[in-house]
mmCIF file of all heavy atoms, coordinates in Angstrom:
data_MODEL
# 
_entry.id   MODEL 
# 
loop_
_atom_site.group_PDB 
_atom_site.id 
_atom_site.type_symbol 
_atom_site.label_atom_id 
_atom_site.label_alt_id 
_atom_site.label_comp_id 
_atom_site.label_asym_id 
_atom_site.label_entity_id 
_atom_site.label_seq_id 
_atom_site.pdbx_PDB_ins_code 
_atom_site.Cartn_x 
_atom_site.Cartn_y 
_atom_site.Cartn_z 
_atom_site.occupancy 
_atom_site.B_iso_or_equiv 
_atom_site.pdbx_formal_charge 
_atom_site.auth_seq_id 
_atom_site.auth_comp_id 
_atom_site.auth_asym_id 
_atom_site.auth_atom_id 
_atom_site.pdbx_PDB_model_num 
ATOM 1   N N   . GLY A 1 1  ? 93.643  106.771 115.420 1.00 0.00 ? 1  GLY A N   1 
ATOM 2   C CA  . GLY A 1 1  ? 94.402  106.524 116.642 1.00 0.00 ? 1  GLY A CA  1 
ATOM 3   C C   . GLY A 1 1  ? 95.843  106.990 116.522 1.00 0.00 ? 1  GLY A C   1 
ATOM 4   O O   . GLY A 1 1  ? 96.398  107.581 117.457 1.00 0.00 ? 1  GLY A O   1 
ATOM 5   N N   . ALA A 1 2  ? 96.459  106.738 115.374 1.00 0.00 ? 2  ALA A N   1 
ATOM 6   C CA  . ALA A 1 2  ? 97.848  107.151 115.167 1.00 0.00 ? 2  ALA A CA  1 
ATOM 7   C C   . ALA A 1 2  ? 97.974  108.668 115.180 1.00 0.00 ? 2  ALA A C   1 
ATOM 8   O O   . ALA A 1 2  ? 98.930  109.222 115.738 1.00 0.00 ? 2  ALA A O   1 
ATOM 9   C CB  . ALA A 1 2  ? 98.368  106.591 113.852 1.00 0.00 ? 2  ALA A CB  1 
ATOM 10  N N   . CYS A 1 3  ? 97.008  109.366 114.594 1.00 0.00 ? 3  CYS A N   1 
ATOM 11  C CA  . CYS A 1 3  ? 97.060  110.830 114.555 1.00 0.00 ? 3  CYS A CA  1 
ATOM 12  C C   . CYS A 1 3  ? 96.838  111.423 115.937 1.00 0.00 ? 3  CYS A C   1 
ATOM 13  O O   . CYS A 1 3  ? 97.506  112.402 116.325 1.00 0.00 ? 3  CYS A O   1 
ATOM 14  C CB  . CYS A 1 3  ? 96.018  111.366 113.577 1.00 0.00 ? 3  CYS A CB  1 
ATOM 15  S SG  . CYS A 1 3  ? 96.381  110.968 111.843 1.00 0.00 ? 3  CYS A SG  1 
ATOM 16  N N   . PHE A 1 4  ? 95.913  110.845 116.698 1.00 0.00 ? 4  PHE A N   1 
ATOM 17  C CA  . PHE A 1 4  ? 95.692  111.350 118.056 1.00 0.00 ? 4  PHE A CA  1 
ATOM 18  C C   . PHE A 1 4  ? 96.929  111.085 118.914 1.00 0.00 ? 4  PHE A C   1 
ATOM 19  O O   . PHE A 1 4  ? 97.368  111.949 119.677 1.00 0.00 ? 4  PHE A O   1 
ATOM 20  C CB  . PHE A 1 4  ? 94.468  110.685 118.688 1.00 0.00 ? 4  PHE A CB  1 
ATOM 21  C CG  . PHE A 1 4  ? 94.148  111.223 120.050 1.00 0.00 ? 4  PHE A CG  1 
ATOM 22  C CD1 . PHE A 1 4  ? 93.510  112.445 120.178 1.00 0.00 ? 4  PHE A CD1 1 
ATOM 23  C CD2 . PHE A 1 4  ? 94.504  110.528 121.202 1.00 0.00 ? 4  PHE A CD2 1 
ATOM 24  C CE1 . PHE A 1 4  ? 93.223  112.961 121.438 1.00 0.00 ? 4  PHE A CE1 1 
ATOM 25  C CE2 . PHE A 1 4  ? 94.220  111.046 122.456 1.00 0.00 ? 4  PHE A CE2 1 
ATOM 26  C CZ  . PHE A 1 4  ? 93.574  112.257 122.574 1.00 0.00 ? 4  PHE A CZ  1 
ATOM 27  N N   . HIS A 1 5  ? 97.503  109.900 118.784 1.00 0.00 ? 5  HIS A N   1 
ATOM 28  C CA  . HIS A 1 5  ? 98.709  109.573 119.547 1.00 0.00 ? 5  HIS A CA  1 
ATOM 29  C C   . HIS A 1 5  ? 99.830  110.551 119.216 1.00 0.00 ? 5  HIS A C   1 
ATOM 30  O O   . HIS A 1 5  ? 100.571 110.996 120.093 1.00 0.00 ? 5  HIS A O   1 
ATOM 31  C CB  . HIS A 1 5  ? 99.144  108.138 119.257 1.00 0.00 ? 5  HIS A CB  1 
ATOM 32  C CG  . HIS A 1 5  ? 100.403 107.743 119.945 1.00 0.00 ? 5  HIS A CG  1 
ATOM 33  N ND1 . HIS A 1 5  ? 101.641 107.756 119.312 1.00 0.00 ? 5  HIS A ND1 1 
ATOM 34  C CD2 . HIS A 1 5  ? 100.649 107.359 121.224 1.00 0.00 ? 5  HIS A CD2 1 
ATOM 35  C CE1 . HIS A 1 5  ? 102.577 107.376 120.159 1.00 0.00 ? 5  HIS A CE1 1 
ATOM 36  N NE2 . HIS A 1 5  ? 101.999 107.126 121.324 1.00 0.00 ? 5  HIS A NE2 1 
ATOM 37  N N   . ASN A 1 6  ? 99.947  110.903 117.947 1.00 0.00 ? 6  ASN A N   1 
ATOM 38  C CA  . ASN A 1 6  ? 100.989 111.845 117.547 1.00 0.00 ? 6  ASN A CA  1 
ATOM 39  C C   . ASN A 1 6  ? 100.806 113.202 118.224 1.00 0.00 ? 6  ASN A C   1 
ATOM 40  O O   . ASN A 1 6  ? 101.779 113.882 118.550 1.00 0.00 ? 6  ASN A O   1 
ATOM 41  C CB  . ASN A 1 6  ? 100.983 112.022 116.029 1.00 0.00 ? 6  ASN A CB  1 
ATOM 42  C CG  . ASN A 1 6  ? 102.078 112.952 115.548 1.00 0.00 ? 6  ASN A CG  1 
ATOM 43  O OD1 . ASN A 1 6  ? 103.254 112.608 115.573 1.00 0.00 ? 6  ASN A OD1 1 
ATOM 44  N ND2 . ASN A 1 6  ? 101.708 114.147 115.119 1.00 0.00 ? 6  ASN A ND2 1 
ATOM 45  N N   . SER A 1 7  ? 99.544  113.596 118.456 1.00 0.00 ? 7  SER A N   1 
ATOM 46  C CA  . SER A 1 7  ? 99.279  114.908 119.035 1.00 0.00 ? 7  SER A CA  1 
ATOM 47  C C   . SER A 1 7  ? 99.608  114.979 120.527 1.00 0.00 ? 7  SER A C   1 
ATOM 48  O O   . SER A 1 7  ? 99.819  116.074 121.057 1.00 0.00 ? 7  SER A O   1 
ATOM 49  C CB  . SER A 1 7  ? 97.809  115.296 118.826 1.00 0.00 ? 7  SER A CB  1 
ATOM 50  O OG  . SER A 1 7  ? 96.952  114.549 119.673 1.00 0.00 ? 7  SER A OG  1 
ATOM 51  N N   . VAL A 1 8  ? 99.669  113.832 121.209 1.00 0.00 ? 8  VAL A N   1 
ATOM 52  C CA  . VAL A 1 8  ? 99.925  113.857 122.654 1.00 0.00 ? 8  VAL A CA  1 
ATOM 53  C C   . VAL A 1 8  ? 101.312 113.346 123.035 1.00 0.00 ? 8  VAL A C   1 
ATOM 54  O O   . VAL A 1 8  ? 101.714 113.473 124.186 1.00 0.00 ? 8  VAL A O   1 
ATOM 55  C CB  . VAL A 1 8  ? 98.852  113.037 123.411 1.00 0.00 ? 8  VAL A CB  1 
ATOM 56  C CG1 . VAL A 1 8  ? 97.472  113.618 123.187 1.00 0.00 ? 8  VAL A CG1 1 
ATOM 57  C CG2 . VAL A 1 8  ? 98.873  111.567 122.996 1.00 0.00 ? 8  VAL A CG2 1 
ATOM 58  N N   . ARG A 1 9  ? 102.057 112.786 122.101 1.00 0.00 ? 9  ARG A N   1 
ATOM 59  C CA  . ARG A 1 9  ? 103.383 112.270 122.426 1.00 0.00 ? 9  ARG A CA  1 
ATOM 60  C C   . ARG A 1 9  ? 104.357 113.434 122.598 1.00 0.00 ? 9  ARG A C   1 
ATOM 61  O O   . ARG A 1 9  ? 104.160 114.502 122.028 1.00 0.00 ? 9  ARG A O   1 
ATOM 62  C CB  . ARG A 1 9  ? 103.875 111.297 121.360 1.00 0.00 ? 9  ARG A CB  1 
ATOM 63  C CG  . ARG A 1 9  ? 103.998 111.870 119.977 1.00 0.00 ? 9  ARG A CG  1 
ATOM 64  C CD  . ARG A 1 9  ? 104.410 110.828 118.960 1.00 0.00 ? 9  ARG A CD  1 
ATOM 65  N NE  . ARG A 1 9  ? 105.767 110.360 119.175 1.00 0.00 ? 9  ARG A NE  1 
ATOM 66  C CZ  . ARG A 1 9  ? 106.340 109.390 118.469 1.00 0.00 ? 9  ARG A CZ  1 
ATOM 67  N NH1 . ARG A 1 9  ? 105.643 108.779 117.515 1.00 0.00 ? 9  ARG A NH1 1 
ATOM 68  N NH2 . ARG A 1 9  ? 107.569 109.042 118.695 1.00 0.00 ? 9  ARG A NH2 1 
ATOM 69  N N   . PRO A 1 10 ? 105.439 113.262 123.380 1.00 0.00 ? 10 PRO A N   1 
ATOM 70  C CA  . PRO A 1 10 ? 106.369 114.373 123.625 1.00 0.00 ? 10 PRO A CA  1 
ATOM 71  C C   . PRO A 1 10 ? 107.210 114.751 122.422 1.00 0.00 ? 10 PRO A C   1 
ATOM 72  O O   . PRO A 1 10 ? 107.772 115.840 122.371 1.00 0.00 ? 10 PRO A O   1 
ATOM 73  C CB  . PRO A 1 10 ? 107.247 113.838 124.765 1.00 0.00 ? 10 PRO A CB  1 
ATOM 74  C CG  . PRO A 1 10 ? 107.160 112.350 124.652 1.00 0.00 ? 10 PRO A CG  1 
ATOM 75  C CD  . PRO A 1 10 ? 105.764 112.062 124.165 1.00 0.00 ? 10 PRO A CD  1 
ATOM 76  N N   . ASP A 1 11 ? 107.323 113.864 121.417 1.00 0.00 ? 11 ASP A N   1 
ATOM 77  C CA  . ASP A 1 11 ? 108.126 114.165 120.232 1.00 0.00 ? 11 ASP A CA  1 
ATOM 78  C C   . ASP A 1 11 ? 107.290 113.964 118.965 1.00 0.00 ? 11 ASP A C   1 
ATOM 79  O O   . ASP A 1 11 ? 107.566 113.094 118.147 1.00 0.00 ? 11 ASP A O   1 
ATOM 80  C CB  . ASP A 1 11 ? 109.370 113.272 120.183 1.00 0.00 ? 11 ASP A CB  1 
ATOM 81  C CG  . ASP A 1 11 ? 109.014 111.783 120.189 1.00 0.00 ? 11 ASP A CG  1 
ATOM 82  O OD1 . ASP A 1 11 ? 107.892 111.444 120.612 1.00 0.00 ? 11 ASP A OD1 1 
ATOM 83  O OD2 . ASP A 1 11 ? 109.847 110.973 119.747 1.00 0.00 ? 11 ASP A OD2 1 
ATOM 84  N N   . PRO A 1 12 ? 106.222 114.762 118.798 1.00 0.00 ? 12 PRO A N   1 
ATOM 85  C CA  . PRO A 1 12 ? 105.343 114.562 117.639 1.00 0.00 ? 12 PRO A CA  1 
ATOM 86  C C   . PRO A 1 12 ? 106.013 114.961 116.337 1.00 0.00 ? 12 PRO A C   1 
ATOM 87  O O   . PRO A 1 12 ? 107.021 115.665 116.323 1.00 0.00 ? 12 PRO A O   1 
ATOM 88  C CB  . PRO A 1 12 ? 104.167 115.498 117.949 1.00 0.00 ? 12 PRO A CB  1 
ATOM 89  C CG  . PRO A 1 12 ? 104.795 116.605 118.730 1.00 0.00 ? 12 PRO A CG  1 
ATOM 90  C CD  . PRO A 1 12 ? 105.843 115.936 119.584 1.00 0.00 ? 12 PRO A CD  1 
ATOM 91  N N   . ALA A 1 13 ? 105.422 114.461 115.242 1.00 0.00 ? 13 ALA A N   1 
ATOM 92  C CA  . ALA A 1 13 ? 105.842 114.936 113.917 1.00 0.00 ? 13 ALA A CA  1 
ATOM 93  C C   . ALA A 1 13 ? 105.212 116.312 113.761 1.00 0.00 ? 13 ALA A C   1 
ATOM 94  O O   . ALA A 1 13 ? 104.078 116.448 113.309 1.00 0.00 ? 13 ALA A O   1 
ATOM 95  C CB  . ALA A 1 13 ? 105.354 113.980 112.840 1.00 0.00 ? 13 ALA A CB  1 
ATOM 96  N N   . ALA A 1 14 ? 105.964 117.345 114.174 1.00 0.00 ? 14 ALA A N   1 
ATOM 97  C CA  . ALA A 1 14 ? 105.357 118.661 114.340 1.00 0.00 ? 14 ALA A CA  1 
ATOM 98  C C   . ALA A 1 14 ? 105.488 119.570 113.122 1.00 0.00 ? 14 ALA A C   1 
ATOM 99  O O   . ALA A 1 14 ? 104.553 120.299 112.793 1.00 0.00 ? 14 ALA A O   1 
ATOM 100 C CB  . ALA A 1 14 ? 105.959 119.366 115.565 1.00 0.00 ? 14 ALA A CB  1 
ATOM 101 N N   . ASP A 1 15 ? 106.640 119.565 112.450 1.00 0.00 ? 15 ASP A N   1 
ATOM 102 C CA  . ASP A 1 15 ? 106.775 120.473 111.322 1.00 0.00 ? 15 ASP A CA  1 
ATOM 103 C C   . ASP A 1 15 ? 106.088 119.881 110.094 1.00 0.00 ? 15 ASP A C   1 
ATOM 104 O O   . ASP A 1 15 ? 105.777 118.693 110.039 1.00 0.00 ? 15 ASP A O   1 
ATOM 105 C CB  . ASP A 1 15 ? 108.248 120.769 111.028 1.00 0.00 ? 15 ASP A CB  1 
ATOM 106 C CG  . ASP A 1 15 ? 109.010 119.517 110.615 1.00 0.00 ? 15 ASP A CG  1 
ATOM 107 O OD1 . ASP A 1 15 ? 109.002 119.188 109.425 1.00 0.00 ? 15 ASP A OD1 1 
ATOM 108 O OD2 . ASP A 1 15 ? 109.588 118.862 111.512 1.00 0.00 ? 15 ASP A OD2 1 
ATOM 109 N N   . GLU A 1 16 ? 105.852 120.735 109.106 1.00 0.00 ? 16 GLU A N   1 
ATOM 110 C CA  . GLU A 1 16 ? 105.060 120.308 107.952 1.00 0.00 ? 16 GLU A CA  1 
ATOM 111 C C   . GLU A 1 16 ? 105.680 119.134 107.202 1.00 0.00 ? 16 GLU A C   1 
ATOM 112 O O   . GLU A 1 16 ? 104.976 118.200 106.803 1.00 0.00 ? 16 GLU A O   1 
ATOM 113 C CB  . GLU A 1 16 ? 104.875 121.490 107.000 1.00 0.00 ? 16 GLU A CB  1 
ATOM 114 C CG  . GLU A 1 16 ? 103.955 121.185 105.836 1.00 0.00 ? 16 GLU A CG  1 
ATOM 115 C CD  . GLU A 1 16 ? 103.679 122.395 104.974 1.00 0.00 ? 16 GLU A CD  1 
ATOM 116 O OE1 . GLU A 1 16 ? 104.053 123.507 105.388 1.00 0.00 ? 16 GLU A OE1 1 
ATOM 117 O OE2 . GLU A 1 16 ? 103.093 122.216 103.890 1.00 0.00 ? 16 GLU A OE2 1 
ATOM 118 N N   . ALA A 1 17 ? 107.007 119.158 107.029 1.00 0.00 ? 17 ALA A N   1 
ATOM 119 C CA  . ALA A 1 17 ? 107.661 118.070 106.295 1.00 0.00 ? 17 ALA A CA  1 
ATOM 120 C C   . ALA A 1 17 ? 107.526 116.745 107.044 1.00 0.00 ? 17 ALA A C   1 
ATOM 121 O O   . ALA A 1 17 ? 107.253 115.702 106.439 1.00 0.00 ? 17 ALA A O   1 
ATOM 122 C CB  . ALA A 1 17 ? 109.139 118.392 106.078 1.00 0.00 ? 17 ALA A CB  1 
ATOM 123 N N   . ALA A 1 18 ? 107.687 116.784 108.361 1.00 0.00 ? 18 ALA A N   1 
ATOM 124 C CA  . ALA A 1 18 ? 107.567 115.563 109.167 1.00 0.00 ? 18 ALA A CA  1 
ATOM 125 C C   . ALA A 1 18 ? 106.133 115.042 109.145 1.00 0.00 ? 18 ALA A C   1 
ATOM 126 O O   . ALA A 1 18 ? 105.902 113.830 109.058 1.00 0.00 ? 18 ALA A O   1 
ATOM 127 C CB  . ALA A 1 18 ? 108.017 115.832 110.608 1.00 0.00 ? 18 ALA A CB  1 
ATOM 128 N N   . ARG A 1 19 ? 105.157 115.950 109.214 1.00 0.00 ? 19 ARG A N   1 
ATOM 129 C CA  . ARG A 1 19 ? 103.756 115.519 109.152 1.00 0.00 ? 19 ARG A CA  1 
ATOM 130 C C   . ARG A 1 19 ? 103.444 114.898 107.800 1.00 0.00 ? 19 ARG A C   1 
ATOM 131 O O   . ARG A 1 19 ? 102.721 113.900 107.722 1.00 0.00 ? 19 ARG A O   1 
ATOM 132 C CB  . ARG A 1 19 ? 102.824 116.705 109.415 1.00 0.00 ? 19 ARG A CB  1 
ATOM 133 C CG  . ARG A 1 19 ? 102.694 117.100 110.862 1.00 0.00 ? 19 ARG A CG  1 
ATOM 134 C CD  . ARG A 1 19 ? 101.449 117.938 111.102 1.00 0.00 ? 19 ARG A CD  1 
ATOM 135 N NE  . ARG A 1 19 ? 101.398 119.121 110.254 1.00 0.00 ? 19 ARG A NE  1 
ATOM 136 C CZ  . ARG A 1 19 ? 101.934 120.288 110.573 1.00 0.00 ? 19 ARG A CZ  1 
ATOM 137 N NH1 . ARG A 1 19 ? 102.571 120.413 111.721 1.00 0.00 ? 19 ARG A NH1 1 
ATOM 138 N NH2 . ARG A 1 19 ? 101.819 121.324 109.770 1.00 0.00 ? 19 ARG A NH2 1 
ATOM 139 N N   . ARG A 1 20 ? 103.980 115.481 106.747 1.00 0.00 ? 20 ARG A N   1 
ATOM 140 C CA  . ARG A 1 20 ? 103.727 114.950 105.416 1.00 0.00 ? 20 ARG A CA  1 
ATOM 141 C C   . ARG A 1 20 ? 104.288 113.539 105.267 1.00 0.00 ? 20 ARG A C   1 
ATOM 142 O O   . ARG A 1 20 ? 103.628 112.646 104.717 1.00 0.00 ? 20 ARG A O   1 
ATOM 143 C CB  . ARG A 1 20 ? 104.340 115.885 104.366 1.00 0.00 ? 20 ARG A CB  1 
ATOM 144 C CG  . ARG A 1 20 ? 103.936 115.541 102.938 1.00 0.00 ? 20 ARG A CG  1 
ATOM 145 C CD  . ARG A 1 20 ? 104.186 116.687 101.969 1.00 0.00 ? 20 ARG A CD  1 
ATOM 146 N NE  . ARG A 1 20 ? 105.523 117.232 102.100 1.00 0.00 ? 20 ARG A NE  1 
ATOM 147 C CZ  . ARG A 1 20 ? 105.813 118.446 102.551 1.00 0.00 ? 20 ARG A CZ  1 
ATOM 148 N NH1 . ARG A 1 20 ? 104.832 119.253 102.931 1.00 0.00 ? 20 ARG A NH1 1 
ATOM 149 N NH2 . ARG A 1 20 ? 107.058 118.877 102.624 1.00 0.00 ? 20 ARG A NH2 1 
ATOM 150 N N   . ARG A 1 21 ? 105.500 113.337 105.781 1.00 0.00 ? 21 ARG A N   1 
ATOM 151 C CA  . ARG A 1 21 ? 106.103 111.993 105.722 1.00 0.00 ? 21 ARG A CA  1 
ATOM 152 C C   . ARG A 1 21 ? 105.290 110.997 106.530 1.00 0.00 ? 21 ARG A C   1 
ATOM 153 O O   . ARG A 1 21 ? 105.035 109.870 106.080 1.00 0.00 ? 21 ARG A O   1 
ATOM 154 C CB  . ARG A 1 21 ? 107.541 112.046 106.235 1.00 0.00 ? 21 ARG A CB  1 
ATOM 155 C CG  . ARG A 1 21 ? 108.539 112.697 105.285 1.00 0.00 ? 21 ARG A CG  1 
ATOM 156 C CD  . ARG A 1 21 ? 109.966 112.416 105.722 1.00 0.00 ? 21 ARG A CD  1 
ATOM 157 N NE  . ARG A 1 21 ? 110.230 112.901 107.065 1.00 0.00 ? 21 ARG A NE  1 
ATOM 158 C CZ  . ARG A 1 21 ? 110.681 114.128 107.350 1.00 0.00 ? 21 ARG A CZ  1 
ATOM 159 N NH1 . ARG A 1 21 ? 110.885 114.989 106.372 1.00 0.00 ? 21 ARG A NH1 1 
ATOM 160 N NH2 . ARG A 1 21 ? 110.914 114.495 108.597 1.00 0.00 ? 21 ARG A NH2 1 
ATOM 161 N N   . TYR A 1 22 ? 104.896 111.396 107.740 1.00 0.00 ? 22 TYR A N   1 
ATOM 162 C CA  . TYR A 1 22 ? 104.147 110.490 108.611 1.00 0.00 ? 22 TYR A CA  1 
ATOM 163 C C   . TYR A 1 22 ? 102.783 110.167 108.000 1.00 0.00 ? 22 TYR A C   1 
ATOM 164 O O   . TYR A 1 22 ? 102.339 109.006 108.010 1.00 0.00 ? 22 TYR A O   1 
ATOM 165 C CB  . TYR A 1 22 ? 103.977 111.128 109.989 1.00 0.00 ? 22 TYR A CB  1 
ATOM 166 C CG  . TYR A 1 22 ? 103.406 110.214 111.040 1.00 0.00 ? 22 TYR A CG  1 
ATOM 167 C CD1 . TYR A 1 22 ? 103.826 108.890 111.157 1.00 0.00 ? 22 TYR A CD1 1 
ATOM 168 C CD2 . TYR A 1 22 ? 102.436 110.675 111.924 1.00 0.00 ? 22 TYR A CD2 1 
ATOM 169 C CE1 . TYR A 1 22 ? 103.303 108.051 112.127 1.00 0.00 ? 22 TYR A CE1 1 
ATOM 170 C CE2 . TYR A 1 22 ? 101.917 109.840 112.905 1.00 0.00 ? 22 TYR A CE2 1 
ATOM 171 C CZ  . TYR A 1 22 ? 102.346 108.532 112.999 1.00 0.00 ? 22 TYR A CZ  1 
ATOM 172 O OH  . TYR A 1 22 ? 101.823 107.716 113.966 1.00 0.00 ? 22 TYR A OH  1 
ATOM 173 N N   . ALA A 1 23 ? 102.118 111.179 107.436 1.00 0.00 ? 23 ALA A N   1 
ATOM 174 C CA  . ALA A 1 23 ? 100.821 110.943 106.798 1.00 0.00 ? 23 ALA A CA  1 
ATOM 175 C C   . ALA A 1 23 ? 100.967 109.992 105.617 1.00 0.00 ? 23 ALA A C   1 
ATOM 176 O O   . ALA A 1 23 ? 100.120 109.116 105.401 1.00 0.00 ? 23 ALA A O   1 
ATOM 177 C CB  . ALA A 1 23 ? 100.210 112.263 106.344 1.00 0.00 ? 23 ALA A CB  1 
ATOM 178 N N   . GLN A 1 24 ? 102.038 110.152 104.855 1.00 0.00 ? 24 GLN A N   1 
ATOM 179 C CA  . GLN A 1 24 ? 102.278 109.254 103.727 1.00 0.00 ? 24 GLN A CA  1 
ATOM 180 C C   . GLN A 1 24 ? 102.455 107.815 104.198 1.00 0.00 ? 24 GLN A C   1 
ATOM 181 O O   . GLN A 1 24 ? 101.921 106.876 103.585 1.00 0.00 ? 24 GLN A O   1 
ATOM 182 C CB  . GLN A 1 24 ? 103.518 109.699 102.952 1.00 0.00 ? 24 GLN A CB  1 
ATOM 183 C CG  . GLN A 1 24 ? 103.758 108.922 101.664 1.00 0.00 ? 24 GLN A CG  1 
ATOM 184 C CD  . GLN A 1 24 ? 102.672 109.178 100.635 1.00 0.00 ? 24 GLN A CD  1 
ATOM 185 O OE1 . GLN A 1 24 ? 102.419 110.331 100.266 1.00 0.00 ? 24 GLN A OE1 1 
ATOM 186 N NE2 . GLN A 1 24 ? 102.021 108.126 100.181 1.00 0.00 ? 24 GLN A NE2 1 
ATOM 187 N N   . GLU A 1 25 ? 103.193 107.649 105.291 1.00 0.00 ? 25 GLU A N   1 
ATOM 188 C CA  . GLU A 1 25 ? 103.384 106.298 105.842 1.00 0.00 ? 25 GLU A CA  1 
ATOM 189 C C   . GLU A 1 25 ? 102.049 105.700 106.298 1.00 0.00 ? 25 GLU A C   1 
ATOM 190 O O   . GLU A 1 25 ? 101.770 104.519 106.054 1.00 0.00 ? 25 GLU A O   1 
ATOM 191 C CB  . GLU A 1 25 ? 104.365 106.339 107.015 1.00 0.00 ? 25 GLU A CB  1 
ATOM 192 C CG  . GLU A 1 25 ? 105.801 106.653 106.629 1.00 0.00 ? 25 GLU A CG  1 
ATOM 193 C CD  . GLU A 1 25 ? 106.411 105.550 105.784 1.00 0.00 ? 25 GLU A CD  1 
ATOM 194 O OE1 . GLU A 1 25 ? 106.107 104.378 106.032 1.00 0.00 ? 25 GLU A OE1 1 
ATOM 195 O OE2 . GLU A 1 25 ? 107.186 105.876 104.862 1.00 0.00 ? 25 GLU A OE2 1 
ATOM 196 N N   . LEU A 1 26 ? 101.234 106.512 106.956 1.00 0.00 ? 26 LEU A N   1 
ATOM 197 C CA  . LEU A 1 26 ? 99.935  106.020 107.417 1.00 0.00 ? 26 LEU A CA  1 
ATOM 198 C C   . LEU A 1 26 ? 99.038  105.658 106.233 1.00 0.00 ? 26 LEU A C   1 
ATOM 199 O O   . LEU A 1 26 ? 98.345  104.629 106.248 1.00 0.00 ? 26 LEU A O   1 
ATOM 200 C CB  . LEU A 1 26 ? 99.248  107.080 108.282 1.00 0.00 ? 26 LEU A CB  1 
ATOM 201 C CG  . LEU A 1 26 ? 99.864  107.359 109.646 1.00 0.00 ? 26 LEU A CG  1 
ATOM 202 C CD1 . LEU A 1 26 ? 99.131  108.508 110.338 1.00 0.00 ? 26 LEU A CD1 1 
ATOM 203 C CD2 . LEU A 1 26 ? 99.827  106.111 110.528 1.00 0.00 ? 26 LEU A CD2 1 
ATOM 204 N N   . GLY A 1 27 ? 99.037  106.504 105.203 1.00 0.00 ? 27 GLY A N   1 
ATOM 205 C CA  . GLY A 1 27 ? 98.244  106.206 104.021 1.00 0.00 ? 27 GLY A CA  1 
ATOM 206 C C   . GLY A 1 27 ? 98.707  104.936 103.329 1.00 0.00 ? 27 GLY A C   1 
ATOM 207 O O   . GLY A 1 27 ? 97.887  104.107 102.906 1.00 0.00 ? 27 GLY A O   1 
ATOM 208 N N   . ASP A 1 28 ? 100.032 104.778 103.219 1.00 0.00 ? 28 ASP A N   1 
ATOM 209 C CA  . ASP A 1 28 ? 100.574 103.558 102.603 1.00 0.00 ? 28 ASP A CA  1 
ATOM 210 C C   . ASP A 1 28 ? 100.207 102.321 103.415 1.00 0.00 ? 28 ASP A C   1 
ATOM 211 O O   . ASP A 1 28 ? 99.861  101.272 102.851 1.00 0.00 ? 28 ASP A O   1 
ATOM 212 C CB  . ASP A 1 28 ? 102.103 103.659 102.499 1.00 0.00 ? 28 ASP A CB  1 
ATOM 213 C CG  . ASP A 1 28 ? 102.554 104.647 101.428 1.00 0.00 ? 28 ASP A CG  1 
ATOM 214 O OD1 . ASP A 1 28 ? 101.703 105.084 100.637 1.00 0.00 ? 28 ASP A OD1 1 
ATOM 215 O OD2 . ASP A 1 28 ? 103.758 104.975 101.405 1.00 0.00 ? 28 ASP A OD2 1 
ATOM 216 N N   . MET A 1 29 ? 100.307 102.433 104.743 1.00 0.00 ? 29 MET A N   1 
ATOM 217 C CA  . MET A 1 29 ? 99.980  101.307 105.613 1.00 0.00 ? 29 MET A CA  1 
ATOM 218 C C   . MET A 1 29 ? 98.519  100.882 105.430 1.00 0.00 ? 29 MET A C   1 
ATOM 219 O O   . MET A 1 29 ? 98.215  99.695  105.257 1.00 0.00 ? 29 MET A O   1 
ATOM 220 C CB  . MET A 1 29 ? 100.232 101.687 107.068 1.00 0.00 ? 29 MET A CB  1 
ATOM 221 C CG  . MET A 1 29 ? 99.847  100.605 108.078 1.00 0.00 ? 29 MET A CG  1 
ATOM 222 S SD  . MET A 1 29 ? 99.910  101.201 109.798 1.00 0.00 ? 29 MET A SD  1 
ATOM 223 C CE  . MET A 1 29 ? 98.508  102.336 109.815 1.00 0.00 ? 29 MET A CE  1 
# 
């Protein structure tokens, strides 16, 4: 759900570094 939401929001974690940080947060959570 978090990944799908990220794909449709107007300010997604779009660049590779931002995606990596966001994925790390999701994995930690």
